[in-house]
Protein backbone atom coordinates (compact mmCIF):
# COMPACT_ATOMS: atom_id res chain seq x y z
CA MET A 1 6.29 -5.77 -22.03
CA LYS A 2 7.63 -7.37 -18.83
CA SER A 3 6.05 -10.44 -17.40
CA VAL A 4 4.96 -10.44 -13.78
CA LYS A 5 7.97 -12.70 -12.84
CA ASP A 6 10.37 -10.12 -14.22
CA LEU A 7 9.11 -7.26 -12.11
CA LYS A 8 11.50 -6.04 -9.32
CA VAL A 9 8.75 -4.08 -7.50
CA LYS A 10 7.21 -6.04 -4.60
CA LEU A 11 3.49 -6.46 -4.61
CA PHE A 12 1.59 -5.84 -1.45
CA ALA A 13 -2.16 -6.26 -0.97
CA ASP A 14 -4.25 -3.52 0.64
CA GLY A 15 -7.49 -4.43 2.32
CA ALA A 16 -9.46 -5.25 5.57
CA ASP A 17 -11.72 -8.16 4.60
CA LYS A 18 -10.29 -11.18 6.46
CA ALA A 19 -11.03 -13.72 3.76
CA SER A 20 -9.48 -11.56 1.02
CA MET A 21 -6.49 -10.78 3.17
CA LEU A 22 -5.73 -14.35 3.86
CA GLU A 23 -6.20 -15.26 0.17
CA MET A 24 -3.76 -12.58 -0.81
CA TYR A 25 -1.37 -13.76 1.97
CA ALA A 26 -1.39 -17.27 0.53
CA ASN A 27 -0.56 -16.02 -2.96
CA PRO A 28 3.19 -16.39 -3.60
CA LEU A 29 3.15 -13.26 -5.69
CA ILE A 30 2.13 -11.13 -2.84
CA GLN A 31 4.88 -10.24 -0.46
CA GLY A 32 3.19 -8.15 2.18
CA LEU A 33 -0.18 -6.62 3.40
CA THR A 34 -1.38 -3.17 4.33
CA THR A 35 -4.63 -1.80 5.76
CA ASN A 36 -5.98 1.46 7.15
CA PRO A 37 -8.91 2.64 9.29
CA THR A 38 -11.10 3.62 6.25
CA LEU A 39 -10.83 0.10 4.84
CA MET A 40 -11.50 -1.45 8.23
CA LYS A 41 -14.61 0.71 8.69
CA LYS A 42 -15.91 -0.38 5.20
CA ALA A 43 -15.35 -3.95 6.19
CA GLY A 44 -17.41 -3.52 9.36
CA ILE A 45 -14.62 -3.87 11.85
CA THR A 46 -15.61 -2.61 15.27
CA ASP A 47 -12.88 -4.01 17.60
CA TYR A 48 -9.56 -2.72 16.14
CA ARG A 49 -7.21 -4.59 18.53
CA ALA A 50 -9.04 -7.91 18.18
CA PHE A 51 -9.19 -7.80 14.41
CA CYS A 52 -5.48 -7.03 14.09
CA LYS A 53 -4.45 -9.75 16.53
CA ASP A 54 -6.74 -12.24 14.82
CA ILE A 55 -5.07 -11.47 11.44
CA LEU A 56 -1.65 -11.84 12.99
CA THR A 57 -2.42 -15.35 14.05
CA HIS A 58 -2.45 -16.16 10.30
CA VAL A 59 -0.05 -13.66 8.80
CA LYS A 60 3.33 -14.44 10.28
CA THR A 61 5.91 -14.53 7.56
CA LYS A 62 5.12 -11.42 5.53
CA PRO A 63 5.20 -7.79 6.65
CA ILE A 64 1.88 -6.24 7.51
CA SER A 65 1.12 -2.56 8.28
CA PHE A 66 -1.53 -1.31 10.81
CA GLU A 67 -2.24 2.30 11.35
CA VAL A 68 -2.55 4.52 14.45
CA PHE A 69 -5.83 6.53 14.66
CA SER A 70 -5.32 9.29 17.17
CA ASP A 71 -4.92 12.95 16.21
CA ASP A 72 -2.67 13.72 19.21
CA PHE A 73 1.02 12.91 18.72
CA ASP A 74 1.53 11.58 22.31
CA GLU A 75 -1.43 9.29 21.93
CA MET A 76 -0.19 8.28 18.41
CA GLU A 77 3.04 7.26 20.02
CA ARG A 78 1.37 5.16 22.71
CA GLN A 79 -0.62 3.43 20.05
CA ALA A 80 2.34 2.91 17.76
CA LEU A 81 4.33 1.24 20.59
CA GLU A 82 1.43 -1.12 21.39
CA ILE A 83 0.87 -1.99 17.70
CA ALA A 84 4.59 -2.61 17.22
CA SER A 85 4.64 -4.95 20.16
CA TRP A 86 2.09 -7.33 18.61
CA ALA A 87 4.56 -9.09 16.23
CA GLN A 88 8.00 -8.76 14.56
CA ASN A 89 6.49 -8.48 11.05
CA VAL A 90 4.26 -5.40 11.96
CA TYR A 91 4.99 -1.99 10.55
CA VAL A 92 3.16 0.95 12.13
CA LYS A 93 1.51 3.35 9.72
CA ILE A 94 1.93 6.98 10.90
CA PRO A 95 0.23 9.71 8.84
CA ILE A 96 2.53 12.41 7.58
CA SER A 97 0.49 14.94 9.69
CA ASN A 98 -2.35 15.20 12.03
CA THR A 99 -5.63 16.74 10.98
CA LYS A 100 -4.40 20.19 11.89
CA GLY A 101 -1.63 19.92 9.30
CA GLU A 102 1.08 19.61 12.03
CA SER A 103 4.02 17.45 10.80
CA ALA A 104 4.52 13.96 12.23
CA VAL A 105 8.31 14.09 11.43
CA GLY A 106 9.15 14.50 15.11
CA LEU A 107 7.05 11.59 16.18
CA VAL A 108 8.56 9.43 13.35
CA LYS A 109 11.97 10.24 14.62
CA ARG A 110 11.17 9.22 18.15
CA LEU A 111 9.57 5.99 17.08
CA VAL A 112 12.44 5.00 14.80
CA TYR A 113 14.87 5.81 17.66
CA LYS A 114 12.95 3.29 19.70
CA GLY A 115 13.28 0.63 17.00
CA VAL A 116 9.75 0.87 15.64
CA LYS A 117 9.30 -0.11 12.02
CA VAL A 118 7.19 2.66 10.60
CA ASN A 119 5.15 3.11 7.48
CA VAL A 120 4.74 6.91 6.94
CA THR A 121 1.57 7.28 5.03
CA ALA A 122 -0.69 9.76 3.15
CA MET A 123 2.31 11.43 1.52
CA MET A 124 1.88 13.32 -1.82
CA THR A 125 4.79 15.77 -2.25
CA LEU A 126 8.54 15.49 -2.65
CA ALA A 127 9.02 17.99 0.15
CA GLN A 128 7.27 15.56 2.49
CA VAL A 129 9.51 12.65 1.30
CA ARG A 130 12.59 14.95 1.83
CA ASP A 131 11.54 15.89 5.29
CA ILE A 132 10.76 12.33 6.41
CA ALA A 133 14.05 11.02 4.97
CA TYR A 134 15.84 13.01 7.61
CA ALA A 135 13.81 11.40 10.37
CA LEU A 136 14.38 7.76 9.26
CA SER A 137 17.17 5.49 10.40
CA PRO A 138 19.68 3.99 7.94
CA THR A 139 19.30 0.60 9.76
CA THR A 140 15.71 0.39 11.10
CA PRO A 141 13.43 -0.90 8.23
CA SER A 142 10.75 1.61 7.24
CA TYR A 143 8.26 2.31 4.45
CA VAL A 144 7.57 5.68 2.85
CA SER A 145 4.10 5.58 1.31
CA VAL A 146 3.43 8.11 -1.51
CA PHE A 147 -0.21 8.12 -2.71
CA ALA A 148 0.52 8.20 -6.41
CA GLY A 149 -3.00 7.32 -7.27
CA ARG A 150 -4.54 10.30 -5.44
CA ILE A 151 -1.77 12.50 -7.05
CA ALA A 152 -2.96 11.30 -10.46
CA ASP A 153 -6.59 12.04 -9.47
CA THR A 154 -5.67 15.68 -9.47
CA GLY A 155 -4.43 15.56 -13.09
CA ARG A 156 -0.75 15.54 -12.26
CA PRO A 157 1.87 13.11 -13.70
CA THR A 158 3.15 10.58 -11.10
CA LEU A 159 6.05 8.64 -12.80
CA GLY A 160 8.60 11.52 -12.61
CA LEU A 161 7.55 12.33 -8.99
CA MET A 162 7.91 8.76 -7.90
CA THR A 163 11.33 8.39 -9.65
CA ALA A 164 12.50 11.50 -7.78
CA ALA A 165 11.21 10.15 -4.52
CA VAL A 166 13.33 6.98 -5.10
CA GLU A 167 16.32 9.12 -5.43
CA LEU A 168 15.57 11.08 -2.27
CA LEU A 169 15.46 7.88 -0.23
CA LYS A 170 18.83 6.57 -1.54
CA THR A 171 20.32 8.27 1.56
CA VAL A 172 18.26 5.98 3.80
CA PRO A 173 19.10 2.38 2.72
CA ALA A 174 16.68 0.75 5.19
CA ALA A 175 13.73 2.75 3.77
CA GLU A 176 11.50 1.49 0.95
CA LEU A 177 9.18 3.49 -1.17
CA ILE A 178 5.60 2.44 -1.63
CA TRP A 179 3.58 3.49 -4.70
CA ALA A 180 0.22 3.65 -2.89
CA SER A 181 -3.40 3.88 -4.05
CA PRO A 182 -2.96 2.66 -7.65
CA ARG A 183 -5.92 2.97 -9.95
CA GLU A 184 -5.14 0.37 -12.62
CA LEU A 185 -2.89 -2.69 -13.08
CA TYR A 186 -0.49 -0.68 -15.39
CA ASN A 187 0.49 1.28 -12.37
CA ILE A 188 2.46 -1.79 -11.21
CA PHE A 189 4.59 -1.46 -14.31
CA GLU A 190 5.08 2.24 -13.80
CA ALA A 191 6.11 1.65 -10.16
CA ASP A 192 8.59 -0.83 -11.41
CA LEU A 193 9.93 1.58 -14.01
CA ALA A 194 10.27 4.29 -11.41
CA GLY A 195 12.36 2.04 -9.21
CA CYS A 196 9.89 1.80 -6.42
CA HIS A 197 10.50 -0.96 -3.92
CA ILE A 198 6.82 -1.73 -3.30
CA ILE A 199 3.36 -1.09 -4.75
CA THR A 200 0.31 -1.83 -2.57
CA ALA A 201 -3.01 -2.43 -4.30
CA THR A 202 -6.42 -3.69 -3.50
CA PRO A 203 -7.35 -7.26 -4.47
CA ASP A 204 -9.54 -6.08 -7.40
CA VAL A 205 -6.47 -4.65 -9.03
CA LEU A 206 -4.14 -7.53 -8.08
CA LYS A 207 -6.53 -10.14 -9.43
CA LYS A 208 -6.02 -8.72 -12.93
CA LEU A 209 -2.42 -10.06 -12.84
CA SER A 210 -3.64 -13.00 -14.70
CA LEU A 211 -4.32 -10.70 -17.70
CA VAL A 212 -0.83 -9.57 -18.07
CA GLY A 213 0.37 -10.29 -21.66
CA TYR A 214 -3.01 -11.59 -22.66
CA ASP A 215 -3.58 -11.54 -26.45
CA LEU A 216 -5.65 -8.36 -27.37
CA ASP A 217 -7.54 -10.00 -30.22
CA ALA A 218 -8.62 -12.69 -27.84
CA TYR A 219 -9.55 -10.06 -25.20
CA SER A 220 -11.49 -8.07 -27.79
CA LEU A 221 -13.49 -11.25 -28.66
CA ASP A 222 -14.14 -12.02 -24.97
CA THR A 223 -15.58 -8.44 -24.62
CA VAL A 224 -17.83 -8.90 -27.58
CA LYS A 225 -19.08 -12.24 -26.16
CA MET A 226 -19.70 -10.66 -22.77
CA PHE A 227 -21.90 -7.93 -24.29
CA TYR A 228 -23.77 -10.44 -26.42
CA ASN A 229 -24.36 -12.92 -23.59
CA ASP A 230 -25.44 -10.19 -21.17
CA ALA A 231 -27.93 -8.88 -23.67
CA VAL A 232 -29.34 -12.37 -24.27
CA SER A 233 -29.56 -13.23 -20.56
CA ALA A 234 -31.37 -9.86 -19.85
CA GLY A 235 -33.98 -10.67 -22.50
CA PHE A 236 -33.51 -7.31 -24.40
CA GLN A 237 -35.67 -6.84 -27.45
CA LEU A 238 -36.25 -4.21 -29.99
């Protein structure tokens, strides 16, 4: 199997806990950061602008994505332009549609025309990737975020779909495909095999990188010891 240093896919960290984000940012293996309103809510963030600007005082040399949160396209555009103005390393996450199912392709096209680096998110079909490819610029950097983990949650295979998505984006050289919402570390190797440019994962997944290539006999013994030690410490008796 490949070692981590041989992977071509870039590793991004997904989260909203400040301490964890800064830990991931300091890790040389991590090449970018992403977050979203759901993660920020779970982290207890109440002031969106203040949180983002605080993070940007620390995260200056790697790309980071912040998401708009309106359901109205005009307001999304206003939010996107403000977010983009915060720093040169900011990508603005735009959902592929609003909650009514109306496509955001037109909005993405307008933003890209204005030079905004977008991260089109919550995508799950090749039709969505094909549609958004027409809206992107061949010169303005952008991310196309396909939620492979959520696709897998429905029982569908993901490797072939992500490989096809890579092919669709070859007409847009400045666009990079993100394998989003991975469920396990092995998804990193799948993303690499598919030719994805980026995979974004939560710290609990990324912290397993130290296990890559670990001897399985040793790992088996570690597991046996864990079960034994936990039973002893719990004081179990029969």
